[in-house]
Amino acid sequence: MALVIQGFGIVLVVVGVVYLLKPGISKQIAGFFKKGKLIYLAGLIRLAMAVVFLLGARECDISWVIIVFGVLFLVSGIVTFMLGSQRAGTIIDWYQRQSNILIRVIAVIILAAGAVIIHSA
């Protein structure tokens, strides 16, 4: 399970690098999830990640870090469903209007989170 968690960390690092180099891709992906009810797919992905992180935390070197990320994924998945597609769409609209500098700052945070997950798993 620790390898799966490290895999998620690697994916986050790659996503962070891509968003850092090409911030427009981040806005396009956000737009994809805004269509119809696809925002619920994002919520399901977050909930699945939460389950993996919370169940696999015991096998990781720094388990409390993995638990914290698991809880964050759990909360964000639940909030996604609570917001609903219309309100989530409003948030995505706001995100898509942001400058590339802010998107790059978010990309660095994503990249750092992925690195911490890799190190902790």
PDB file of N, CA and C in Angstrom:
ATOM      1  N   MET A   1       0.834  -1.202   0.000  1.00  0.00           N
ATOM      2  CA  MET A   1       0.000   0.000   0.000  1.00  0.00           C
ATOM      3  C   MET A   1       0.873   1.259   0.000  1.00  0.00           C
ATOM      4  N   ALA A   2       2.037   1.187   0.642  1.00  0.00           N
ATOM      5  CA  ALA A   2       2.929   2.351   0.668  1.00  0.00           C
ATOM      6  C   ALA A   2       3.367   2.709  -0.753  1.00  0.00           C
ATOM      7  N   LEU A   3       3.540   1.683  -1.606  1.00  0.00           N
ATOM      8  CA  LEU A   3       3.920   1.960  -3.000  1.00  0.00           C
ATOM      9  C   LEU A   3       2.810   2.681  -3.750  1.00  0.00           C
ATOM     10  N   VAL A   4       1.571   2.338  -3.451  1.00  0.00           N
ATOM     11  CA  VAL A   4       0.442   3.026  -4.085  1.00  0.00           C
ATOM     12  C   VAL A   4       0.423   4.488  -3.654  1.00  0.00           C
ATOM     13  N   ILE A   5       0.656   4.714  -2.373  1.00  0.00           N
ATOM     14  CA  ILE A   5       0.684   6.090  -1.858  1.00  0.00           C
ATOM     15  C   ILE A   5       1.846   6.859  -2.482  1.00  0.00           C
ATOM     16  N   GLN A   6       3.002   6.217  -2.611  1.00  0.00           N
ATOM     17  CA  GLN A   6       4.125   6.875  -3.291  1.00  0.00           C
ATOM     18  C   GLN A   6       3.759   7.184  -4.743  1.00  0.00           C
ATOM     19  N   GLY A   7       3.013   6.286  -5.370  1.00  0.00           N
ATOM     20  CA  GLY A   7       2.557   6.528  -6.741  1.00  0.00           C
ATOM     21  C   GLY A   7       1.688   7.768  -6.833  1.00  0.00           C
ATOM     22  N   PHE A   8       0.777   7.936  -5.856  1.00  0.00           N
ATOM     23  CA  PHE A   8      -0.036   9.163  -5.824  1.00  0.00           C
ATOM     24  C   PHE A   8       0.863  10.386  -5.659  1.00  0.00           C
ATOM     25  N   GLY A   9       1.895  10.261  -4.820  1.00  0.00           N
ATOM     26  CA  GLY A   9       2.827  11.370  -4.629  1.00  0.00           C
ATOM     27  C   GLY A   9       3.555  11.718  -5.916  1.00  0.00           C
ATOM     28  N   ILE A  10       3.972  10.691  -6.645  1.00  0.00           N
ATOM     29  CA  ILE A  10       4.654  10.921  -7.924  1.00  0.00           C
ATOM     30  C   ILE A  10       3.717  11.620  -8.909  1.00  0.00           C
ATOM     31  N   VAL A  11       2.462  11.174  -8.943  1.00  0.00           N
ATOM     32  CA  VAL A  11       1.475  11.818  -9.828  1.00  0.00           C
ATOM     33  C   VAL A  11       1.320  13.291  -9.451  1.00  0.00           C
ATOM     34  N   LEU A  12       1.255  13.585  -8.158  1.00  0.00           N
ATOM     35  CA  LEU A  12       1.121  14.985  -7.724  1.00  0.00           C
ATOM     36  C   LEU A  12       2.339  15.809  -8.127  1.00  0.00           C
ATOM     37  N   VAL A  13       3.526  15.241  -8.012  1.00  0.00           N
ATOM     38  CA  VAL A  13       4.733  15.965  -8.424  1.00  0.00           C
ATOM     39  C   VAL A  13       4.679  16.257  -9.921  1.00  0.00           C
ATOM     40  N   VAL A  14       4.302  15.263 -10.713  1.00  0.00           N
ATOM     41  CA  VAL A  14       4.217  15.464 -12.165  1.00  0.00           C
ATOM     42  C   VAL A  14       3.163  16.522 -12.496  1.00  0.00           C
ATOM     43  N   VAL A  15       2.007  16.434 -11.855  1.00  0.00           N
ATOM     44  CA  VAL A  15       0.949  17.426 -12.081  1.00  0.00           C
ATOM     45  C   VAL A  15       1.449  18.818 -11.691  1.00  0.00           C
ATOM     46  N   GLY A  16       2.135  18.922 -10.562  1.00  0.00           N
ATOM     47  CA  GLY A  16       2.674  20.214 -10.137  1.00  0.00           C
ATOM     48  C   GLY A  16       3.646  20.786 -11.147  1.00  0.00           C
ATOM     49  N   VAL A  17       4.518  19.945 -11.688  1.00  0.00           N
ATOM     50  CA  VAL A  17       5.490  20.408 -12.686  1.00  0.00           C
ATOM     51  C   VAL A  17       4.767  20.863 -13.961  1.00  0.00           C
ATOM     52  N   VAL A  18       3.793  20.072 -14.401  1.00  0.00           N
ATOM     53  CA  VAL A  18       3.060  20.440 -15.622  1.00  0.00           C
ATOM     54  C   VAL A  18       2.327  21.762 -15.420  1.00  0.00           C
ATOM     55  N   TYR A  19       1.647  21.920 -14.297  1.00  0.00           N
ATOM     56  CA  TYR A  19       0.916  23.165 -14.032  1.00  0.00           C
ATOM     57  C   TYR A  19       1.872  24.350 -13.894  1.00  0.00           C
ATOM     58  N   LEU A  20       3.050  24.094 -13.353  1.00  0.00           N
ATOM     59  CA  LEU A  20       4.039  25.155 -13.209  1.00  0.00           C
ATOM     60  C   LEU A  20       4.513  25.638 -14.580  1.00  0.00           C
ATOM     61  N   LEU A  21       4.759  24.699 -15.477  1.00  0.00           N
ATOM     62  CA  LEU A  21       5.248  25.050 -16.813  1.00  0.00           C
ATOM     63  C   LEU A  21       4.139  25.536 -17.741  1.00  0.00           C
ATOM     64  N   LYS A  22       2.959  24.960 -17.605  1.00  0.00           N
ATOM     65  CA  LYS A  22       1.825  25.282 -18.480  1.00  0.00           C
ATOM     66  C   LYS A  22       0.571  25.512 -17.631  1.00  0.00           C
ATOM     67  N   PRO A  23       0.429  26.677 -17.003  1.00  0.00           N
ATOM     68  CA  PRO A  23      -0.706  26.913 -16.112  1.00  0.00           C
ATOM     69  C   PRO A  23      -2.064  26.844 -16.813  1.00  0.00           C
ATOM     70  N   GLY A  24      -2.082  27.058 -18.110  1.00  0.00           N
ATOM     71  CA  GLY A  24      -3.345  26.977 -18.843  1.00  0.00           C
ATOM     72  C   GLY A  24      -3.959  25.588 -18.796  1.00  0.00           C
ATOM     73  N   ILE A  25      -3.121  24.561 -18.702  1.00  0.00           N
ATOM     74  CA  ILE A  25      -3.624  23.187 -18.627  1.00  0.00           C
ATOM     75  C   ILE A  25      -4.460  23.004 -17.363  1.00  0.00           C
ATOM     76  N   SER A  26      -4.023  23.616 -16.276  1.00  0.00           N
ATOM     77  CA  SER A  26      -4.770  23.546 -15.018  1.00  0.00           C
ATOM     78  C   SER A  26      -6.176  24.111 -15.187  1.00  0.00           C
ATOM     79  N   LYS A  27      -6.266  25.225 -15.879  1.00  0.00           N
ATOM     80  CA  LYS A  27      -7.571  25.858 -16.105  1.00  0.00           C
ATOM     81  C   LYS A  27      -8.443  25.006 -17.022  1.00  0.00           C
ATOM     82  N   GLN A  28      -7.828  24.353 -18.019  1.00  0.00           N
ATOM     83  CA  GLN A  28      -8.579  23.476 -18.921  1.00  0.00           C
ATOM     84  C   GLN A  28      -9.127  22.261 -18.174  1.00  0.00           C
ATOM     85  N   ILE A  29      -8.307  21.678 -17.316  1.00  0.00           N
ATOM     86  CA  ILE A  29      -8.762  20.516 -16.548  1.00  0.00           C
ATOM     87  C   ILE A  29      -9.883  20.919 -15.600  1.00  0.00           C
ATOM     88  N   ALA A  30      -9.753  22.081 -14.982  1.00  0.00           N
ATOM     89  CA  ALA A  30     -10.826  22.570 -14.107  1.00  0.00           C
ATOM     90  C   ALA A  30     -12.108  22.737 -14.919  1.00  0.00           C
ATOM     91  N   GLY A  31     -11.991  23.264 -16.121  1.00  0.00           N
ATOM     92  CA  GLY A  31     -13.151  23.423 -16.991  1.00  0.00           C
ATOM     93  C   GLY A  31     -13.784  22.095 -17.353  1.00  0.00           C
ATOM     94  N   PHE A  32     -12.960  21.059 -17.530  1.00  0.00           N
ATOM     95  CA  PHE A  32     -13.477  19.726 -17.819  1.00  0.00           C
ATOM     96  C   PHE A  32     -14.391  19.249 -16.687  1.00  0.00           C
ATOM     97  N   PHE A  33     -13.960  19.437 -15.449  1.00  0.00           N
ATOM     98  CA  PHE A  33     -14.746  18.971 -14.307  1.00  0.00           C
ATOM     99  C   PHE A  33     -15.984  19.834 -14.055  1.00  0.00           C
ATOM    100  N   LYS A  34     -16.030  21.006 -14.674  1.00  0.00           N
ATOM    101  CA  LYS A  34     -17.188  21.891 -14.525  1.00  0.00           C
ATOM    102  C   LYS A  34     -18.369  21.428 -15.364  1.00  0.00           C
ATOM    103  N   LYS A  35     -18.110  20.643 -16.393  1.00  0.00           N
ATOM    104  CA  LYS A  35     -19.161  20.211 -17.315  1.00  0.00           C
ATOM    105  C   LYS A  35     -20.085  19.197 -16.649  1.00  0.00           C
ATOM    106  N   GLY A  36     -21.364  19.480 -16.723  1.00  0.00           N
ATOM    107  CA  GLY A  36     -22.364  18.540 -16.212  1.00  0.00           C
ATOM    108  C   GLY A  36     -22.131  18.177 -14.760  1.00  0.00           C
ATOM    109  N   LYS A  37     -22.106  16.899 -14.506  1.00  0.00           N
ATOM    110  CA  LYS A  37     -21.934  16.402 -13.138  1.00  0.00           C
ATOM    111  C   LYS A  37     -20.538  15.826 -12.914  1.00  0.00           C
ATOM    112  N   LEU A  38     -19.579  16.173 -13.774  1.00  0.00           N
ATOM    113  CA  LEU A  38     -18.237  15.617 -13.655  1.00  0.00           C
ATOM    114  C   LEU A  38     -17.526  16.040 -12.374  1.00  0.00           C
ATOM    115  N   ILE A  39     -18.006  17.097 -11.733  1.00  0.00           N
ATOM    116  CA  ILE A  39     -17.394  17.509 -10.474  1.00  0.00           C
ATOM    117  C   ILE A  39     -17.503  16.392  -9.445  1.00  0.00           C
ATOM    118  N   TYR A  40     -18.553  15.569  -9.576  1.00  0.00           N
ATOM    119  CA  TYR A  40     -18.714  14.461  -8.647  1.00  0.00           C
ATOM    120  C   TYR A  40     -17.654  13.390  -8.867  1.00  0.00           C
ATOM    121  N   LEU A  41     -17.136  13.287 -10.080  1.00  0.00           N
ATOM    122  CA  LEU A  41     -16.021  12.382 -10.342  1.00  0.00           C
ATOM    123  C   LEU A  41     -14.795  12.831  -9.550  1.00  0.00           C
ATOM    124  N   ALA A  42     -14.556  14.127  -9.518  1.00  0.00           N
ATOM    125  CA  ALA A  42     -13.445  14.665  -8.728  1.00  0.00           C
ATOM    126  C   ALA A  42     -13.649  14.341  -7.252  1.00  0.00           C
ATOM    127  N   GLY A  43     -14.877  14.452  -6.783  1.00  0.00           N
ATOM    128  CA  GLY A  43     -15.173  14.102  -5.392  1.00  0.00           C
ATOM    129  C   GLY A  43     -14.919  12.632  -5.110  1.00  0.00           C
ATOM    130  N   LEU A  44     -15.309  11.768  -6.037  1.00  0.00           N
ATOM    131  CA  LEU A  44     -15.069  10.328  -5.867  1.00  0.00           C
ATOM    132  C   LEU A  44     -13.576  10.008  -5.865  1.00  0.00           C
ATOM    133  N   ILE A  45     -12.819  10.669  -6.730  1.00  0.00           N
ATOM    134  CA  ILE A  45     -11.371  10.458  -6.761  1.00  0.00           C
ATOM    135  C   ILE A  45     -10.759  10.857  -5.424  1.00  0.00           C
ATOM    136  N   ARG A  46     -11.196  11.967  -4.885  1.00  0.00           N
ATOM    137  CA  ARG A  46     -10.669  12.414  -3.591  1.00  0.00           C
ATOM    138  C   ARG A  46     -11.039  11.446  -2.476  1.00  0.00           C
ATOM    139  N   LEU A  47     -12.264  10.945  -2.507  1.00  0.00           N
ATOM    140  CA  LEU A  47     -12.673   9.979  -1.479  1.00  0.00           C
ATOM    141  C   LEU A  47     -11.882   8.682  -1.603  1.00  0.00           C
ATOM    142  N   ALA A  48     -11.637   8.240  -2.829  1.00  0.00           N
ATOM    143  CA  ALA A  48     -10.843   7.022  -3.034  1.00  0.00           C
ATOM    144  C   ALA A  48      -9.418   7.222  -2.522  1.00  0.00           C
ATOM    145  N   MET A  49      -8.854   8.388  -2.798  1.00  0.00           N
ATOM    146  CA  MET A  49      -7.512   8.676  -2.295  1.00  0.00           C
ATOM    147  C   MET A  49      -7.495   8.701  -0.777  1.00  0.00           C
ATOM    148  N   ALA A  50      -8.538   9.239  -0.176  1.00  0.00           N
ATOM    149  CA  ALA A  50      -8.627   9.271   1.283  1.00  0.00           C
ATOM    150  C   ALA A  50      -8.613   7.861   1.854  1.00  0.00           C
ATOM    151  N   VAL A  51      -9.374   6.968   1.248  1.00  0.00           N
ATOM    152  CA  VAL A  51      -9.422   5.590   1.735  1.00  0.00           C
ATOM    153  C   VAL A  51      -8.044   4.945   1.638  1.00  0.00           C
ATOM    154  N   VAL A  52      -7.383   5.102   0.495  1.00  0.00           N
ATOM    155  CA  VAL A  52      -6.055   4.514   0.308  1.00  0.00           C
ATOM    156  C   VAL A  52      -5.077   5.074   1.342  1.00  0.00           C
ATOM    157  N   PHE A  53      -5.079   6.372   1.526  1.00  0.00           N
ATOM    158  CA  PHE A  53      -4.140   6.996   2.458  1.00  0.00           C
ATOM    159  C   PHE A  53      -4.424   6.572   3.896  1.00  0.00           C
ATOM    160  N   LEU A  54      -5.683   6.562   4.286  1.00  0.00           N
ATOM    161  CA  LEU A  54      -6.007   6.225   5.670  1.00  0.00           C
ATOM    162  C   LEU A  54      -5.770   4.743   5.966  1.00  0.00           C
ATOM    163  N   LEU A  55      -6.053   3.872   5.004  1.00  0.00           N
ATOM    164  CA  LEU A  55      -5.811   2.448   5.217  1.00  0.00           C
ATOM    165  C   LEU A  55      -4.329   2.092   5.124  1.00  0.00           C
ATOM    166  N   GLY A  56      -3.595   2.813   4.308  1.00  0.00           N
ATOM    167  CA  GLY A  56      -2.188   2.493   4.104  1.00  0.00           C
ATOM    168  C   GLY A  56      -1.226   3.250   4.996  1.00  0.00           C
ATOM    169  N   ALA A  57      -1.716   4.140   5.821  1.00  0.00           N
ATOM    170  CA  ALA A  57      -0.835   4.989   6.631  1.00  0.00           C
ATOM    171  C   ALA A  57       0.060   4.174   7.556  1.00  0.00           C
ATOM    172  N   ARG A  58      -0.453   3.067   8.087  1.00  0.00           N
ATOM    173  CA  ARG A  58       0.336   2.250   9.021  1.00  0.00           C
ATOM    174  C   ARG A  58       1.608   1.700   8.386  1.00  0.00           C
ATOM    175  N   GLU A  59       1.587   1.480   7.091  1.00  0.00           N
ATOM    176  CA  GLU A  59       2.730   0.899   6.404  1.00  0.00           C
ATOM    177  C   GLU A  59       3.774   1.944   6.006  1.00  0.00           C
ATOM    178  N   CYS A  60       3.484   3.204   6.242  1.00  0.00           N
ATOM    179  CA  CYS A  60       4.361   4.285   5.783  1.00  0.00           C
ATOM    180  C   CYS A  60       5.340   4.698   6.871  1.00  0.00           C
ATOM    181  N   ASP A  61       6.457   5.292   6.439  1.00  0.00           N
ATOM    182  CA  ASP A  61       7.509   5.709   7.372  1.00  0.00           C
ATOM    183  C   ASP A  61       7.042   6.809   8.323  1.00  0.00           C
ATOM    184  N   ILE A  62       6.359   7.794   7.787  1.00  0.00           N
ATOM    185  CA  ILE A  62       5.853   8.899   8.625  1.00  0.00           C
ATOM    186  C   ILE A  62       4.327   8.874   8.495  1.00  0.00           C
ATOM    187  N   SER A  63       3.721   7.983   9.267  1.00  0.00           N
ATOM    188  CA  SER A  63       2.292   7.699   9.084  1.00  0.00           C
ATOM    189  C   SER A  63       1.397   8.890   9.386  1.00  0.00           C
ATOM    190  N   TRP A  64       1.775   9.740  10.341  1.00  0.00           N
ATOM    191  CA  TRP A  64       0.889  10.854  10.684  1.00  0.00           C
ATOM    192  C   TRP A  64       0.739  11.829   9.517  1.00  0.00           C
ATOM    193  N   VAL A  65       1.777  11.979   8.708  1.00  0.00           N
ATOM    194  CA  VAL A  65       1.690  12.864   7.536  1.00  0.00           C
ATOM    195  C   VAL A  65       0.697  12.284   6.537  1.00  0.00           C
ATOM    196  N   ILE A  66       0.765  10.987   6.323  1.00  0.00           N
ATOM    197  CA  ILE A  66      -0.142  10.326   5.389  1.00  0.00           C
ATOM    198  C   ILE A  66      -1.573  10.393   5.920  1.00  0.00           C
ATOM    199  N   ILE A  67      -1.750  10.262   7.222  1.00  0.00           N
ATOM    200  CA  ILE A  67      -3.085  10.391   7.826  1.00  0.00           C
ATOM    201  C   ILE A  67      -3.627  11.793   7.604  1.00  0.00           C
ATOM    202  N   VAL A  68      -2.786  12.804   7.789  1.00  0.00           N
ATOM    203  CA  VAL A  68      -3.226  14.195   7.573  1.00  0.00           C
ATOM    204  C   VAL A  68      -3.688  14.389   6.128  1.00  0.00           C
ATOM    205  N   PHE A  69      -2.901  13.889   5.171  1.00  0.00           N
ATOM    206  CA  PHE A  69      -3.317  14.003   3.781  1.00  0.00           C
ATOM    207  C   PHE A  69      -4.594  13.207   3.525  1.00  0.00           C
ATOM    208  N   GLY A  70      -4.720  12.043   4.145  1.00  0.00           N
ATOM    209  CA  GLY A  70      -5.940  11.250   4.005  1.00  0.00           C
ATOM    210  C   GLY A  70      -7.161  12.004   4.497  1.00  0.00           C
ATOM    211  N   VAL A  71      -7.019  12.652   5.636  1.00  0.00           N
ATOM    212  CA  VAL A  71      -8.131  13.437   6.182  1.00  0.00           C
ATOM    213  C   VAL A  71      -8.446  14.621   5.271  1.00  0.00           C
ATOM    214  N   LEU A  72      -7.407  15.275   4.747  1.00  0.00           N
ATOM    215  CA  LEU A  72      -7.641  16.394   3.819  1.00  0.00           C
ATOM    216  C   LEU A  72      -8.380  15.930   2.568  1.00  0.00           C
ATOM    217  N   PHE A  73      -7.984  14.782   2.016  1.00  0.00           N
ATOM    218  CA  PHE A  73      -8.681  14.242   0.851  1.00  0.00           C
ATOM    219  C   PHE A  73     -10.123  13.880   1.203  1.00  0.00           C
ATOM    220  N   LEU A  74     -10.331  13.327   2.391  1.00  0.00           N
ATOM    221  CA  LEU A  74     -11.678  12.961   2.831  1.00  0.00           C
ATOM    222  C   LEU A  74     -12.565  14.198   2.941  1.00  0.00           C
ATOM    223  N   VAL A  75     -12.065  15.211   3.606  1.00  0.00           N
ATOM    224  CA  VAL A  75     -12.839  16.448   3.781  1.00  0.00           C
ATOM    225  C   VAL A  75     -13.121  17.105   2.429  1.00  0.00           C
ATOM    226  N   SER A  76     -12.106  17.163   1.554  1.00  0.00           N
ATOM    227  CA  SER A  76     -12.324  17.809   0.260  1.00  0.00           C
ATOM    228  C   SER A  76     -13.308  17.019  -0.600  1.00  0.00           C
ATOM    229  N   GLY A  77     -13.296  15.693  -0.491  1.00  0.00           N
ATOM    230  CA  GLY A  77     -14.268  14.888  -1.228  1.00  0.00           C
ATOM    231  C   GLY A  77     -15.676  15.120  -0.738  1.00  0.00           C
ATOM    232  N   ILE A  78     -15.844  15.158   0.582  1.00  0.00           N
ATOM    233  CA  ILE A  78     -17.174  15.400   1.162  1.00  0.00           C
ATOM    234  C   ILE A  78     -17.668  16.794   0.795  1.00  0.00           C
ATOM    235  N   VAL A  79     -16.782  17.784   0.903  1.00  0.00           N
ATOM    236  CA  VAL A  79     -17.167  19.165   0.573  1.00  0.00           C
ATOM    237  C   VAL A  79     -17.571  19.277  -0.897  1.00  0.00           C
ATOM    238  N   THR A  80     -16.879  18.549  -1.768  1.00  0.00           N
ATOM    239  CA  THR A  80     -17.239  18.567  -3.191  1.00  0.00           C
ATOM    240  C   THR A  80     -18.685  18.140  -3.378  1.00  0.00           C
ATOM    241  N   PHE A  81     -19.087  17.070  -2.703  1.00  0.00           N
ATOM    242  CA  PHE A  81     -20.472  16.601  -2.820  1.00  0.00           C
ATOM    243  C   PHE A  81     -21.454  17.562  -2.144  1.00  0.00           C
ATOM    244  N   MET A  82     -21.048  18.171  -1.043  1.00  0.00           N
ATOM    245  CA  MET A  82     -21.929  19.101  -0.349  1.00  0.00           C
ATOM    246  C   MET A  82     -22.166  20.371  -1.160  1.00  0.00           C
ATOM    247  N   LEU A  83     -21.153  20.830  -1.877  1.00  0.00           N
ATOM    248  CA  LEU A  83     -21.301  22.055  -2.670  1.00  0.00           C
ATOM    249  C   LEU A  83     -22.265  21.857  -3.833  1.00  0.00           C
ATOM    250  N   GLY A  84     -22.209  20.704  -4.439  1.00  0.00           N
ATOM    251  CA  GLY A  84     -23.036  20.471  -5.613  1.00  0.00           C
ATOM    252  C   GLY A  84     -22.386  21.051  -6.851  1.00  0.00           C
ATOM    253  N   SER A  85     -22.890  20.661  -7.995  1.00  0.00           N
ATOM    254  CA  SER A  85     -22.244  21.048  -9.251  1.00  0.00           C
ATOM    255  C   SER A  85     -22.361  22.543  -9.547  1.00  0.00           C
ATOM    256  N   GLN A  86     -23.464  23.164  -9.158  1.00  0.00           N
ATOM    257  CA  GLN A  86     -23.635  24.586  -9.478  1.00  0.00           C
ATOM    258  C   GLN A  86     -22.669  25.458  -8.679  1.00  0.00           C
ATOM    259  N   ARG A  87     -22.605  25.254  -7.368  1.00  0.00           N
ATOM    260  CA  ARG A  87     -21.690  26.067  -6.556  1.00  0.00           C
ATOM    261  C   ARG A  87     -20.232  25.732  -6.861  1.00  0.00           C
ATOM    262  N   ALA A  88     -19.949  24.459  -7.103  1.00  0.00           N
ATOM    263  CA  ALA A  88     -18.585  24.086  -7.478  1.00  0.00           C
ATOM    264  C   ALA A  88     -18.216  24.742  -8.808  1.00  0.00           C
ATOM    265  N   GLY A  89     -19.175  24.826  -9.722  1.00  0.00           N
ATOM    266  CA  GLY A  89     -18.938  25.493 -10.997  1.00  0.00           C
ATOM    267  C   GLY A  89     -18.586  26.959 -10.814  1.00  0.00           C
ATOM    268  N   THR A  90     -19.208  27.609  -9.849  1.00  0.00           N
ATOM    269  CA  THR A  90     -18.893  29.008  -9.542  1.00  0.00           C
ATOM    270  C   THR A  90     -17.451  29.137  -9.047  1.00  0.00           C
ATOM    271  N   ILE A  91     -17.026  28.203  -8.216  1.00  0.00           N
ATOM    272  CA  ILE A  91     -15.645  28.221  -7.712  1.00  0.00           C
ATOM    273  C   ILE A  91     -14.671  27.970  -8.857  1.00  0.00           C
ATOM    274  N   ILE A  92     -15.009  27.041  -9.746  1.00  0.00           N
ATOM    275  CA  ILE A  92     -14.150  26.761 -10.890  1.00  0.00           C
ATOM    276  C   ILE A  92     -14.062  27.988 -11.803  1.00  0.00           C
ATOM    277  N   ASP A  93     -15.182  28.687 -12.001  1.00  0.00           N
ATOM    278  CA  ASP A  93     -15.159  29.924 -12.796  1.00  0.00           C
ATOM    279  C   ASP A  93     -14.185  30.928 -12.188  1.00  0.00           C
ATOM    280  N   TRP A  94     -14.232  31.077 -10.868  1.00  0.00           N
ATOM    281  CA  TRP A  94     -13.319  31.993 -10.175  1.00  0.00           C
ATOM    282  C   TRP A  94     -11.875  31.557 -10.411  1.00  0.00           C
ATOM    283  N   TYR A  95     -11.612  30.273 -10.252  1.00  0.00           N
ATOM    284  CA  TYR A  95     -10.259  29.731 -10.425  1.00  0.00           C
ATOM    285  C   TYR A  95      -9.744  30.002 -11.836  1.00  0.00           C
ATOM    286  N   GLN A  96     -10.586  29.819 -12.825  1.00  0.00           N
ATOM    287  CA  GLN A  96     -10.164  30.008 -14.212  1.00  0.00           C
ATOM    288  C   GLN A  96      -9.854  31.471 -14.540  1.00  0.00           C
ATOM    289  N   ARG A  97     -10.371  32.399 -13.757  1.00  0.00           N
ATOM    290  CA  ARG A  97     -10.098  33.826 -13.976  1.00  0.00           C
ATOM    291  C   ARG A  97      -8.798  34.288 -13.315  1.00  0.00           C
ATOM    292  N   GLN A  98      -8.177  33.431 -12.519  1.00  0.00           N
ATOM    293  CA  GLN A  98      -6.980  33.831 -11.778  1.00  0.00           C
ATOM    294  C   GLN A  98      -5.770  33.936 -12.703  1.00  0.00           C
ATOM    295  N   SER A  99      -4.806  34.716 -12.244  1.00  0.00           N
ATOM    296  CA  SER A  99      -3.591  34.938 -13.037  1.00  0.00           C
ATOM    297  C   SER A  99      -2.732  33.669 -13.069  1.00  0.00           C
ATOM    298  N   ASN A 100      -1.886  33.612 -14.073  1.00  0.00           N
ATOM    299  CA  ASN A 100      -0.967  32.479 -14.172  1.00  0.00           C
ATOM    300  C   ASN A 100       0.021  32.429 -13.015  1.00  0.00           C
ATOM    301  N   ILE A 101       0.299  33.571 -12.426  1.00  0.00           N
ATOM    302  CA  ILE A 101       1.205  33.603 -11.266  1.00  0.00           C
ATOM    303  C   ILE A 101       0.581  32.833 -10.103  1.00  0.00           C
ATOM    304  N   LEU A 102      -0.699  33.073  -9.822  1.00  0.00           N
ATOM    305  CA  LEU A 102      -1.369  32.350  -8.739  1.00  0.00           C
ATOM    306  C   LEU A 102      -1.447  30.861  -9.057  1.00  0.00           C
ATOM    307  N   ILE A 103      -1.729  30.513 -10.291  1.00  0.00           N
ATOM    308  CA  ILE A 103      -1.793  29.106 -10.689  1.00  0.00           C
ATOM    309  C   ILE A 103      -0.430  28.456 -10.476  1.00  0.00           C
ATOM    310  N   ARG A 104       0.632  29.172 -10.771  1.00  0.00           N
ATOM    311  CA  ARG A 104       1.982  28.624 -10.563  1.00  0.00           C
ATOM    312  C   ARG A 104       2.301  28.464  -9.076  1.00  0.00           C
ATOM    313  N   VAL A 105       1.818  29.380  -8.258  1.00  0.00           N
ATOM    314  CA  VAL A 105       1.997  29.232  -6.807  1.00  0.00           C
ATOM    315  C   VAL A 105       1.271  27.978  -6.326  1.00  0.00           C
ATOM    316  N   ILE A 106       0.055  27.770  -6.802  1.00  0.00           N
ATOM    317  CA  ILE A 106      -0.697  26.564  -6.459  1.00  0.00           C
ATOM    318  C   ILE A 106       0.047  25.330  -6.958  1.00  0.00           C
ATOM    319  N   ALA A 107       0.651  25.424  -8.138  1.00  0.00           N
ATOM    320  CA  ALA A 107       1.417  24.302  -8.698  1.00  0.00           C
ATOM    321  C   ALA A 107       2.594  23.933  -7.803  1.00  0.00           C
ATOM    322  N   VAL A 108       3.271  24.948  -7.269  1.00  0.00           N
ATOM    323  CA  VAL A 108       4.394  24.694  -6.366  1.00  0.00           C
ATOM    324  C   VAL A 108       3.900  23.995  -5.101  1.00  0.00           C
ATOM    325  N   ILE A 109       2.732  24.390  -4.601  1.00  0.00           N
ATOM    326  CA  ILE A 109       2.162  23.747  -3.416  1.00  0.00           C
ATOM    327  C   ILE A 109       1.826  22.285  -3.714  1.00  0.00           C
ATOM    328  N   ILE A 110       1.247  22.030  -4.880  1.00  0.00           N
ATOM    329  CA  ILE A 110       0.928  20.658  -5.289  1.00  0.00           C
ATOM    330  C   ILE A 110       2.214  19.835  -5.396  1.00  0.00           C
ATOM    331  N   LEU A 111       3.221  20.406  -6.031  1.00  0.00           N
ATOM    332  CA  LEU A 111       4.499  19.725  -6.187  1.00  0.00           C
ATOM    333  C   LEU A 111       5.110  19.406  -4.818  1.00  0.00           C
ATOM    334  N   ALA A 112       5.086  20.365  -3.913  1.00  0.00           N
ATOM    335  CA  ALA A 112       5.641  20.160  -2.573  1.00  0.00           C
ATOM    336  C   ALA A 112       4.860  19.096  -1.812  1.00  0.00           C
ATOM    337  N   ALA A 113       3.533  19.126  -1.932  1.00  0.00           N
ATOM    338  CA  ALA A 113       2.710  18.112  -1.263  1.00  0.00           C
ATOM    339  C   ALA A 113       3.056  16.721  -1.780  1.00  0.00           C
ATOM    340  N   GLY A 114       3.229  16.598  -3.090  1.00  0.00           N
ATOM    341  CA  GLY A 114       3.622  15.316  -3.665  1.00  0.00           C
ATOM    342  C   GLY A 114       4.964  14.842  -3.145  1.00  0.00           C
ATOM    343  N   ALA A 115       5.918  15.763  -3.032  1.00  0.00           N
ATOM    344  CA  ALA A 115       7.244  15.417  -2.518  1.00  0.00           C
ATOM    345  C   ALA A 115       7.171  14.963  -1.061  1.00  0.00           C
ATOM    346  N   VAL A 116       6.343  15.630  -0.270  1.00  0.00           N
ATOM    347  CA  VAL A 116       6.184  15.247   1.138  1.00  0.00           C
ATOM    348  C   VAL A 116       5.543  13.857   1.236  1.00  0.00           C
ATOM    349  N   ILE A 117       4.577  13.592   0.378  1.00  0.00           N
ATOM    350  CA  ILE A 117       3.925  12.276   0.369  1.00  0.00           C
ATOM    351  C   ILE A 117       4.935  11.195  -0.011  1.00  0.00           C
ATOM    352  N   ILE A 118       5.728  11.437  -1.038  1.00  0.00           N
ATOM    353  CA  ILE A 118       6.744  10.458  -1.446  1.00  0.00           C
ATOM    354  C   ILE A 118       7.715  10.191  -0.306  1.00  0.00           C
ATOM    355  N   HIS A 119       8.177  11.254   0.329  1.00  0.00           N
ATOM    356  CA  HIS A 119       9.125  11.125   1.436  1.00  0.00           C
ATOM    357  C   HIS A 119       8.523  10.391   2.636  1.00  0.00           C
ATOM    358  N   SER A 120       7.254  10.611   2.885  1.00  0.00           N
ATOM    359  CA  SER A 120       6.597  10.048   4.067  1.00  0.00           C
ATOM    360  C   SER A 120       6.136   8.614   3.872  1.00  0.00           C
ATOM    361  N   ALA A 121       5.916   8.207   2.634  1.00  0.00           N
ATOM    362  CA  ALA A 121       5.359   6.861   2.389  1.00  0.00           C
ATOM    363  C   ALA A 121       6.389   5.760   2.545  1.00  0.00           C
TER     364      ALA A 121
END
